[in-house]
PDB file of all heavy atoms in Angstrom:
ATOM      1  N   ILE A   1       4.302  -3.370   6.936  1.00  0.00           N
ATOM      2  CA  ILE A   1       3.420  -3.832   5.923  1.00  0.00           C
ATOM      3  C   ILE A   1       2.109  -4.506   6.544  1.00  0.00           C
ATOM      4  O   ILE A   1       0.974  -4.215   6.232  1.00  0.00           O
ATOM      5  CB  ILE A   1       4.055  -4.792   4.954  1.00  0.00           C
ATOM      6  CG1 ILE A   1       5.076  -3.989   4.097  1.00  0.00           C
ATOM      7  CG2 ILE A   1       3.064  -5.511   4.116  1.00  0.00           C
ATOM      8  CD1 ILE A   1       6.017  -5.006   3.261  1.00  0.00           C
ATOM      9  N   VAL A   2       2.353  -5.308   7.531  1.00  0.00           N
ATOM     10  CA  VAL A   2       1.211  -5.998   8.254  1.00  0.00           C
ATOM     11  C   VAL A   2       0.388  -4.878   8.944  1.00  0.00           C
ATOM     12  O   VAL A   2      -0.857  -4.985   8.905  1.00  0.00           O
ATOM     13  CB  VAL A   2       1.821  -7.016   9.262  1.00  0.00           C
ATOM     14  CG1 VAL A   2       0.642  -7.551  10.177  1.00  0.00           C
ATOM     15  CG2 VAL A   2       2.384  -8.278   8.488  1.00  0.00           C
ATOM     16  N   SER A   3       0.978  -3.961   9.621  1.00  0.00           N
ATOM     17  CA  SER A   3       0.263  -2.893  10.326  1.00  0.00           C
ATOM     18  C   SER A   3      -0.648  -2.102   9.378  1.00  0.00           C
ATOM     19  O   SER A   3      -1.731  -1.789   9.674  1.00  0.00           O
ATOM     20  CB  SER A   3       1.225  -1.967  11.084  1.00  0.00           C
ATOM     21  OG  SER A   3       1.963  -2.684  11.983  1.00  0.00           O
ATOM     22  N   VAL A   4      -0.101  -1.762   8.242  1.00  0.00           N
ATOM     23  CA  VAL A   4      -0.856  -0.912   7.267  1.00  0.00           C
ATOM     24  C   VAL A   4      -1.994  -1.756   6.704  1.00  0.00           C
ATOM     25  O   VAL A   4      -3.127  -1.298   6.609  1.00  0.00           O
ATOM     26  CB  VAL A   4       0.028  -0.395   6.085  1.00  0.00           C
ATOM     27  CG1 VAL A   4      -0.744   0.085   4.986  1.00  0.00           C
ATOM     28  CG2 VAL A   4       1.013   0.590   6.596  1.00  0.00           C
ATOM     29  N   ASN A   5      -1.732  -3.045   6.452  1.00  0.00           N
ATOM     30  CA  ASN A   5      -2.886  -3.942   5.933  1.00  0.00           C
ATOM     31  C   ASN A   5      -3.932  -4.140   7.009  1.00  0.00           C
ATOM     32  O   ASN A   5      -5.085  -4.238   6.664  1.00  0.00           O
ATOM     33  CB  ASN A   5      -2.286  -5.286   5.476  1.00  0.00           C
ATOM     34  CG  ASN A   5      -1.741  -5.166   4.075  1.00  0.00           C
ATOM     35  OD1 ASN A   5      -2.465  -4.852   3.134  1.00  0.00           O
ATOM     36  ND2 ASN A   5      -0.392  -5.418   3.937  1.00  0.00           N
ATOM     37  N   CYS A   6      -3.542  -4.207   8.270  1.00  0.00           N
ATOM     38  CA  CYS A   6      -4.513  -4.369   9.306  1.00  0.00           C
ATOM     39  C   CYS A   6      -5.290  -3.059   9.598  1.00  0.00           C
ATOM     40  O   CYS A   6      -6.493  -3.125   9.917  1.00  0.00           O
ATOM     41  CB  CYS A   6      -3.855  -4.799  10.634  1.00  0.00           C
ATOM     42  SG  CYS A   6      -3.261  -6.484  10.614  1.00  0.00           S
ATOM     43  N   PHE A   7      -4.595  -1.923   9.428  1.00  0.00           N
ATOM     44  CA  PHE A   7      -5.227  -0.619   9.630  1.00  0.00           C
ATOM     45  C   PHE A   7      -6.278  -0.255   8.562  1.00  0.00           C
ATOM     46  O   PHE A   7      -7.395   0.122   8.897  1.00  0.00           O
ATOM     47  CB  PHE A   7      -4.189   0.442   9.743  1.00  0.00           C
ATOM     48  CG  PHE A   7      -4.680   1.821   9.898  1.00  0.00           C
ATOM     49  CD1 PHE A   7      -5.246   2.194  11.129  1.00  0.00           C
ATOM     50  CD2 PHE A   7      -4.633   2.772   8.910  1.00  0.00           C
ATOM     51  CE1 PHE A   7      -5.745   3.485  11.337  1.00  0.00           C
ATOM     52  CE2 PHE A   7      -5.130   4.031   9.071  1.00  0.00           C
ATOM     53  CZ  PHE A   7      -5.657   4.366  10.261  1.00  0.00           C
ATOM     54  N   SER A   8      -5.883  -0.438   7.298  1.00  0.00           N
ATOM     55  CA  SER A   8      -6.816  -0.063   6.171  1.00  0.00           C
ATOM     56  C   SER A   8      -6.446  -0.744   4.988  1.00  0.00           C
ATOM     57  O   SER A   8      -5.282  -0.547   4.445  1.00  0.00           O
ATOM     58  CB  SER A   8      -6.772   1.489   6.040  1.00  0.00           C
ATOM     59  OG  SER A   8      -7.445   1.904   4.849  1.00  0.00           O
ATOM     60  N   VAL A   9      -7.415  -1.416   4.319  1.00  0.00           N
ATOM     61  CA  VAL A   9      -7.161  -2.087   3.013  1.00  0.00           C
ATOM     62  C   VAL A   9      -6.998  -0.959   1.959  1.00  0.00           C
ATOM     63  O   VAL A   9      -6.167  -1.165   1.056  1.00  0.00           O
ATOM     64  CB  VAL A   9      -8.292  -3.060   2.717  1.00  0.00           C
ATOM     65  CG1 VAL A   9      -8.146  -3.599   1.313  1.00  0.00           C
ATOM     66  CG2 VAL A   9      -8.281  -4.208   3.725  1.00  0.00           C
ATOM     67  N   ARG A  10      -7.837   0.066   2.044  1.00  0.00           N
ATOM     68  CA  ARG A  10      -7.742   1.149   1.124  1.00  0.00           C
ATOM     69  C   ARG A  10      -6.273   1.828   1.130  1.00  0.00           C
ATOM     70  O   ARG A  10      -5.740   2.087   0.142  1.00  0.00           O
ATOM     71  CB  ARG A  10      -8.797   2.155   1.322  1.00  0.00           C
ATOM     72  CG  ARG A  10      -8.777   3.282   0.312  1.00  0.00           C
ATOM     73  CD  ARG A  10     -10.012   4.094   0.398  1.00  0.00           C
ATOM     74  NE  ARG A  10     -11.078   3.214  -0.118  1.00  0.00           N
ATOM     75  CZ  ARG A  10     -12.352   3.626  -0.268  1.00  0.00           C
ATOM     76  NH1 ARG A  10     -12.697   4.803   0.051  1.00  0.00           N
ATOM     77  NH2 ARG A  10     -13.191   2.827  -0.775  1.00  0.00           N
ATOM     78  N   LEU A  11      -5.763   2.051   2.315  1.00  0.00           N
ATOM     79  CA  LEU A  11      -4.453   2.674   2.448  1.00  0.00           C
ATOM     80  C   LEU A  11      -3.409   1.719   1.877  1.00  0.00           C
ATOM     81  O   LEU A  11      -2.461   2.052   1.153  1.00  0.00           O
ATOM     82  CB  LEU A  11      -4.122   2.982   3.927  1.00  0.00           C
ATOM     83  CG  LEU A  11      -2.788   3.542   4.190  1.00  0.00           C
ATOM     84  CD1 LEU A  11      -2.558   4.801   3.434  1.00  0.00           C
ATOM     85  CD2 LEU A  11      -2.564   3.754   5.702  1.00  0.00           C
ATOM     86  N   ALA A  12      -3.556   0.415   2.160  1.00  0.00           N
ATOM     87  CA  ALA A  12      -2.640  -0.661   1.694  1.00  0.00           C
ATOM     88  C   ALA A  12      -2.652  -0.633   0.134  1.00  0.00           C
ATOM     89  O   ALA A  12      -1.627  -0.706  -0.481  1.00  0.00           O
ATOM     90  CB  ALA A  12      -2.989  -1.981   2.242  1.00  0.00           C
ATOM     91  N   THR A  13      -3.821  -0.564  -0.452  1.00  0.00           N
ATOM     92  CA  THR A  13      -3.961  -0.513  -1.906  1.00  0.00           C
ATOM     93  C   THR A  13      -3.247   0.750  -2.428  1.00  0.00           C
ATOM     94  O   THR A  13      -2.594   0.673  -3.431  1.00  0.00           O
ATOM     95  CB  THR A  13      -5.442  -0.526  -2.301  1.00  0.00           C
ATOM     96  OG1 THR A  13      -6.022  -1.736  -1.822  1.00  0.00           O
ATOM     97  CG2 THR A  13      -5.621  -0.525  -3.836  1.00  0.00           C
ATOM     98  N   TYR A  14      -3.493   1.860  -1.843  1.00  0.00           N
ATOM     99  CA  TYR A  14      -2.888   3.125  -2.261  1.00  0.00           C
ATOM    100  C   TYR A  14      -1.401   3.021  -2.191  1.00  0.00           C
ATOM    101  O   TYR A  14      -0.662   3.449  -3.100  1.00  0.00           O
ATOM    102  CB  TYR A  14      -3.377   4.278  -1.390  1.00  0.00           C
ATOM    103  CG  TYR A  14      -2.642   5.568  -1.663  1.00  0.00           C
ATOM    104  CD1 TYR A  14      -2.916   6.362  -2.788  1.00  0.00           C
ATOM    105  CD2 TYR A  14      -1.660   6.037  -0.772  1.00  0.00           C
ATOM    106  CE1 TYR A  14      -2.201   7.493  -3.039  1.00  0.00           C
ATOM    107  CE2 TYR A  14      -0.985   7.152  -1.003  1.00  0.00           C
ATOM    108  CZ  TYR A  14      -1.210   7.901  -2.100  1.00  0.00           C
ATOM    109  OH  TYR A  14      -0.499   9.073  -2.387  1.00  0.00           O
ATOM    110  N   LEU A  15      -0.860   2.538  -1.080  1.00  0.00           N
ATOM    111  CA  LEU A  15       0.594   2.345  -0.897  1.00  0.00           C
ATOM    112  C   LEU A  15       1.191   1.407  -1.917  1.00  0.00           C
ATOM    113  O   LEU A  15       2.276   1.608  -2.492  1.00  0.00           O
ATOM    114  CB  LEU A  15       0.929   1.923   0.486  1.00  0.00           C
ATOM    115  CG  LEU A  15       0.905   3.030   1.573  1.00  0.00           C
ATOM    116  CD1 LEU A  15       1.095   2.505   2.932  1.00  0.00           C
ATOM    117  CD2 LEU A  15       1.841   4.135   1.271  1.00  0.00           C
ATOM    118  N   GLN A  16       0.418   0.299  -2.194  1.00  0.00           N
ATOM    119  CA  GLN A  16       0.937  -0.679  -3.157  1.00  0.00           C
ATOM    120  C   GLN A  16       1.012  -0.083  -4.550  1.00  0.00           C
ATOM    121  O   GLN A  16       1.993  -0.216  -5.269  1.00  0.00           O
ATOM    122  CB  GLN A  16       0.082  -1.856  -3.171  1.00  0.00           C
ATOM    123  CG  GLN A  16       0.506  -2.997  -4.087  1.00  0.00           C
ATOM    124  CD  GLN A  16      -0.245  -4.240  -4.033  1.00  0.00           C
ATOM    125  OE1 GLN A  16      -1.256  -4.332  -3.286  1.00  0.00           O
ATOM    126  NE2 GLN A  16       0.042  -5.222  -4.809  1.00  0.00           N
ATOM    127  N   ASN A  17      -0.003   0.679  -4.934  1.00  0.00           N
ATOM    128  CA  ASN A  17      -0.048   1.371  -6.218  1.00  0.00           C
ATOM    129  C   ASN A  17       1.078   2.389  -6.287  1.00  0.00           C
ATOM    130  O   ASN A  17       1.803   2.543  -7.276  1.00  0.00           O
ATOM    131  CB  ASN A  17      -1.320   2.087  -6.494  1.00  0.00           C
ATOM    132  CG  ASN A  17      -2.466   1.023  -6.756  1.00  0.00           C
ATOM    133  OD1 ASN A  17      -2.156  -0.100  -7.105  1.00  0.00           O
ATOM    134  ND2 ASN A  17      -3.754   1.439  -6.539  1.00  0.00           N
ATOM    135  N   PHE A  18       1.337   3.185  -5.240  1.00  0.00           N
ATOM    136  CA  PHE A  18       2.348   4.189  -5.193  1.00  0.00           C
ATOM    137  C   PHE A  18       3.740   3.587  -5.360  1.00  0.00           C
ATOM    138  O   PHE A  18       4.546   3.942  -6.157  1.00  0.00           O
ATOM    139  CB  PHE A  18       2.280   4.956  -3.853  1.00  0.00           C
ATOM    140  CG  PHE A  18       3.454   5.900  -3.611  1.00  0.00           C
ATOM    141  CD1 PHE A  18       3.426   7.141  -4.352  1.00  0.00           C
ATOM    142  CD2 PHE A  18       4.561   5.542  -2.846  1.00  0.00           C
ATOM    143  CE1 PHE A  18       4.548   8.011  -4.137  1.00  0.00           C
ATOM    144  CE2 PHE A  18       5.593   6.437  -2.745  1.00  0.00           C
ATOM    145  CZ  PHE A  18       5.643   7.631  -3.341  1.00  0.00           C
ATOM    146  N   PHE A  19       3.976   2.432  -4.580  1.00  0.00           N
ATOM    147  CA  PHE A  19       5.260   1.835  -4.628  1.00  0.00           C
ATOM    148  C   PHE A  19       5.506   1.088  -5.957  1.00  0.00           C
ATOM    149  O   PHE A  19       6.666   1.006  -6.453  1.00  0.00           O
ATOM    150  CB  PHE A  19       5.511   0.883  -3.473  1.00  0.00           C
ATOM    151  CG  PHE A  19       5.859   1.649  -2.143  1.00  0.00           C
ATOM    152  CD1 PHE A  19       5.007   1.535  -1.082  1.00  0.00           C
ATOM    153  CD2 PHE A  19       6.999   2.485  -2.139  1.00  0.00           C
ATOM    154  CE1 PHE A  19       5.375   2.271   0.112  1.00  0.00           C
ATOM    155  CE2 PHE A  19       7.310   3.155  -0.925  1.00  0.00           C
ATOM    156  CZ  PHE A  19       6.472   3.055   0.125  1.00  0.00           C
ATOM    157  N   THR A  20       4.435   0.625  -6.598  1.00  0.00           N
ATOM    158  CA  THR A  20       4.588  -0.030  -7.906  1.00  0.00           C
ATOM    159  C   THR A  20       4.977   1.098  -8.883  1.00  0.00           C
ATOM    160  O   THR A  20       5.859   0.878  -9.804  1.00  0.00           O
ATOM    161  CB  THR A  20       3.273  -0.713  -8.300  1.00  0.00           C
ATOM    162  OG1 THR A  20       2.944  -1.754  -7.401  1.00  0.00           O
ATOM    163  CG2 THR A  20       3.378  -1.273  -9.633  1.00  0.00           C
ATOM    164  N   ALA A  21       4.328   2.230  -8.864  1.00  0.00           N
ATOM    165  CA  ALA A  21       4.698   3.349  -9.737  1.00  0.00           C
ATOM    166  C   ALA A  21       6.115   3.738  -9.514  1.00  0.00           C
ATOM    167  O   ALA A  21       6.804   4.060 -10.496  1.00  0.00           O
ATOM    168  CB  ALA A  21       3.698   4.427  -9.556  1.00  0.00           C
ATOM    169  N   ALA A  22       6.466   3.860  -8.242  1.00  0.00           N
ATOM    170  CA  ALA A  22       7.877   4.263  -7.910  1.00  0.00           C
ATOM    171  C   ALA A  22       8.875   3.209  -8.415  1.00  0.00           C
ATOM    172  O   ALA A  22       9.898   3.625  -8.968  1.00  0.00           O
ATOM    173  CB  ALA A  22       8.031   4.432  -6.366  1.00  0.00           C
ATOM    174  N   LYS A  23       8.525   1.969  -8.346  1.00  0.00           N
ATOM    175  CA  LYS A  23       9.445   0.940  -8.800  1.00  0.00           C
ATOM    176  C   LYS A  23       9.595   1.021 -10.322  1.00  0.00           C
ATOM    177  O   LYS A  23      10.727   0.911 -10.889  1.00  0.00           O
ATOM    178  CB  LYS A  23       8.870  -0.437  -8.383  1.00  0.00           C
ATOM    179  CG  LYS A  23       9.855  -1.586  -8.742  1.00  0.00           C
ATOM    180  CD  LYS A  23       9.231  -2.962  -8.459  1.00  0.00           C
ATOM    181  CE  LYS A  23       8.443  -3.088  -7.245  1.00  0.00           C
ATOM    182  NZ  LYS A  23       7.860  -4.396  -6.985  1.00  0.00           N
ATOM    183  N   LEU A  24       8.446   1.220 -11.036  1.00  0.00           N
ATOM    184  CA  LEU A  24       8.550   1.357 -12.477  1.00  0.00           C
ATOM    185  C   LEU A  24       9.303   2.590 -12.889  1.00  0.00           C
ATOM    186  O   LEU A  24      10.015   2.596 -13.886  1.00  0.00           O
ATOM    187  CB  LEU A  24       7.107   1.388 -13.086  1.00  0.00           C
ATOM    188  CG  LEU A  24       6.433  -0.052 -13.060  1.00  0.00           C
ATOM    189  CD1 LEU A  24       5.007   0.078 -13.505  1.00  0.00           C
ATOM    190  CD2 LEU A  24       7.188  -1.045 -13.945  1.00  0.00           C
TER     191      LEU A  24
END
């Protein structure tokens, strides 16, 4: 999680949205 956030905020946002949809 830290690596993804350090690498790209846009990628982190995409992953967060993806995992939120998966959780729902």
